[in-house]
Protein backbone atom coordinates (compact mmCIF):
# COMPACT_ATOMS: atom_id res chain seq x y z
CA UNK A 1 53.28 127.67 -43.03
CA UNK A 2 53.28 128.05 -46.82
CA UNK A 3 53.36 131.85 -46.46
CA UNK A 4 56.51 131.47 -44.40
CA UNK A 5 58.07 129.20 -47.03
CA UNK A 6 57.24 131.69 -49.78
CA UNK A 7 58.76 134.52 -47.72
CA UNK A 8 61.97 132.54 -47.16
CA UNK A 9 62.28 131.70 -50.85
CA UNK A 10 61.53 135.31 -51.76
CA UNK A 11 64.27 136.53 -49.41
CA UNK A 12 66.85 134.06 -50.71
CA UNK A 13 65.98 132.06 -53.85
CA UNK A 14 68.94 129.74 -53.22
CA UNK A 15 67.33 128.26 -50.10
CA UNK A 16 65.36 125.04 -50.34
CA UNK A 17 62.24 124.93 -48.19
CA UNK A 18 60.41 121.73 -47.32
CA UNK A 19 57.05 121.76 -45.59
CA UNK A 20 56.79 118.73 -43.35
CA UNK A 21 54.00 119.43 -40.90
CA UNK A 22 54.51 118.18 -37.36
CA UNK A 23 58.03 117.16 -36.46
CA UNK A 24 57.99 113.37 -36.58
CA UNK A 25 61.37 113.07 -34.82
CA UNK A 26 60.10 114.93 -31.77
CA UNK A 27 57.01 112.72 -31.77
CA UNK A 28 59.23 109.65 -31.92
CA UNK A 29 61.30 110.84 -28.96
CA UNK A 30 58.21 111.59 -26.87
CA UNK A 31 56.61 108.29 -27.88
CA UNK A 32 59.75 106.34 -27.05
CA UNK A 33 60.05 108.00 -23.67
CA UNK A 34 56.37 107.27 -22.94
CA UNK A 35 56.71 103.62 -23.95
CA UNK A 36 59.83 103.19 -21.83
CA UNK A 37 58.10 104.82 -18.86
CA UNK A 38 55.10 102.50 -19.11
CA UNK A 39 57.35 99.44 -19.44
CA UNK A 40 59.47 100.51 -16.50
CA UNK A 41 56.37 101.06 -14.35
CA UNK A 42 55.13 97.58 -15.27
CA UNK A 43 58.48 95.99 -14.43
CA UNK A 44 58.64 97.95 -11.17
CA UNK A 45 55.17 96.83 -10.12
CA UNK A 46 56.03 93.20 -10.89
CA UNK A 47 59.23 93.58 -8.88
CA UNK A 48 57.29 94.98 -5.93
CA UNK A 49 54.78 92.15 -6.16
CA UNK A 50 57.59 89.57 -6.24
CA UNK A 51 59.36 91.20 -3.28
CA UNK A 52 56.12 91.29 -1.30
CA UNK A 53 55.40 87.61 -2.01
CA UNK A 54 58.91 86.54 -1.00
CA UNK A 55 58.82 88.80 2.08
CA UNK A 56 55.53 87.39 3.32
CA UNK A 57 56.64 83.80 2.62
CA UNK A 58 59.86 84.24 4.58
CA UNK A 59 58.03 85.92 7.45
CA UNK A 60 55.18 83.40 7.52
CA UNK A 61 56.23 81.90 10.86
CA UNK A 62 56.73 85.36 12.41
CA UNK A 63 53.31 86.46 11.22
CA UNK A 64 51.81 83.28 12.71
CA UNK A 65 53.43 84.06 16.05
CA UNK A 66 52.11 87.62 15.95
CA UNK A 67 48.65 86.27 15.20
CA UNK A 68 48.97 83.85 18.12
CA UNK A 69 49.44 86.73 20.55
CA UNK A 70 46.43 88.61 19.24
CA UNK A 71 47.30 90.41 16.01
CA UNK A 72 44.27 90.54 13.75
CA UNK A 73 44.43 89.67 10.05
CA UNK A 74 43.74 93.32 9.25
CA UNK A 75 46.75 94.42 11.30
CA UNK A 76 48.92 91.82 9.57
CA UNK A 77 47.80 93.21 6.21
CA UNK A 78 48.46 96.81 7.30
CA UNK A 79 51.87 95.89 8.74
CA UNK A 80 52.95 94.11 5.54
CA UNK A 81 51.66 96.89 3.29
CA UNK A 82 53.38 99.49 5.47
CA UNK A 83 56.71 97.69 5.26
CA UNK A 84 56.38 97.62 1.47
CA UNK A 85 55.45 101.33 1.50
CA UNK A 86 58.69 102.07 3.34
CA UNK A 87 60.63 100.09 0.73
CA UNK A 88 58.75 101.93 -2.03
CA UNK A 89 59.53 105.30 -0.46
CA UNK A 90 63.22 104.41 -0.13
CA UNK A 91 63.25 103.20 -3.73
CA UNK A 92 61.59 106.43 -4.84
CA UNK A 93 64.13 108.53 -2.94
CA UNK A 94 66.85 106.75 -4.88
CA UNK A 95 65.02 106.29 -8.19
CA UNK A 96 63.61 109.78 -8.77
CA UNK A 97 66.99 111.56 -8.69
CA UNK A 98 68.52 108.81 -10.84
CA UNK A 99 65.62 109.14 -13.28
CA UNK A 100 66.08 112.89 -13.48
CA UNK A 101 69.80 112.43 -14.12
CA UNK A 102 69.10 109.78 -16.78
CA UNK A 103 66.60 112.10 -18.47
CA UNK A 104 69.14 114.90 -18.59
CA UNK A 105 71.70 112.58 -20.18
CA UNK A 106 69.60 110.37 -22.48
CA UNK A 107 67.12 112.78 -24.05
CA UNK A 108 69.71 115.27 -25.36
CA UNK A 109 71.80 112.39 -26.71
CA UNK A 110 68.77 110.90 -28.46
CA UNK A 111 68.08 114.27 -30.03
CA UNK A 112 71.72 114.75 -31.01
CA UNK A 113 71.68 111.30 -32.60
CA UNK A 114 69.15 112.52 -35.15
CA UNK A 115 70.61 116.04 -35.43
CA UNK A 116 67.74 117.70 -33.62
CA UNK A 117 67.94 120.61 -31.22
CA UNK A 118 65.18 120.16 -28.66
CA UNK A 119 63.42 123.23 -27.34
CA UNK A 120 63.96 124.07 -23.69
CA UNK A 121 60.41 123.09 -22.70
CA UNK A 122 61.18 119.49 -23.70
CA UNK A 123 64.36 119.20 -21.67
CA UNK A 124 63.52 121.25 -18.57
CA UNK A 125 60.54 119.24 -17.36
CA UNK A 126 61.46 118.67 -13.71
CA UNK A 127 59.69 121.29 -11.63
CA UNK A 128 59.18 121.35 -7.85
CA UNK A 129 55.95 119.36 -7.33
CA UNK A 130 56.63 116.64 -9.92
CA UNK A 131 59.48 114.78 -8.13
CA UNK A 132 57.44 114.74 -4.92
CA UNK A 133 54.42 113.33 -6.78
CA UNK A 134 56.65 110.69 -8.37
CA UNK A 135 58.07 109.71 -4.98
CA UNK A 136 54.55 109.34 -3.55
CA UNK A 137 53.54 107.36 -6.61
CA UNK A 138 56.42 104.96 -5.97
CA UNK A 139 55.21 104.37 -2.44
CA UNK A 140 51.65 103.96 -3.72
CA UNK A 141 52.72 101.37 -6.29
CA UNK A 142 54.49 99.48 -3.51
CA UNK A 143 51.37 99.46 -1.34
CA UNK A 144 49.12 98.32 -4.17
CA UNK A 145 51.60 95.60 -5.13
CA UNK A 146 51.75 94.41 -1.52
CA UNK A 147 48.02 94.17 -0.84
CA UNK A 148 47.43 90.75 -2.44
CA UNK A 149 50.39 89.01 -0.75
CA UNK A 150 49.61 90.77 2.53
CA UNK A 151 46.01 89.55 2.50
CA UNK A 152 47.17 86.07 1.57
CA UNK A 153 49.63 86.09 4.48
CA UNK A 154 46.95 87.27 6.90
CA UNK A 155 44.45 84.59 5.91
CA UNK A 156 45.82 81.35 7.45
CA UNK A 157 45.18 80.53 11.06
CA UNK A 158 47.98 80.11 13.59
CA UNK A 159 47.60 76.31 13.46
CA UNK A 160 47.91 76.29 9.66
CA UNK A 161 51.06 78.39 9.79
CA UNK A 162 52.74 76.23 12.42
CA UNK A 163 51.66 73.02 10.69
CA UNK A 164 53.45 73.99 7.47
CA UNK A 165 56.73 74.81 9.28
């Protein structure tokens, strides 16, 4: 890098050259985006968990009736997790395109706010397999978030469910 700076100053002595190493602004943008992504994933998983808990509580009587006609606790767990997977898939179908649109709006504006021109490889990051993986990840997060409430809903006996109603 110092050879480049010397060459620039040799070509035009009026230019001021500063060697700064890695671009700290780019690192800040990437770090901020990573932190926001992690926080959003945490909030999303808590939202899924809350939705699953409320869903199983409101369907407690229905699940008790299904168990009374022969549904096993495992099937109750699978049914509840599957319903949350459908909600997660629908949320992903809505959220992934909105996330891509937000990325295309927010990242260039963040860069423009600090007078930085981002290279194309930092702005064109949405390639064919990635949105599909993100959509599947959304459904996976929904299933994982639903497992604990689903197991808890499958545990009580029919008599316990009807007694609490």
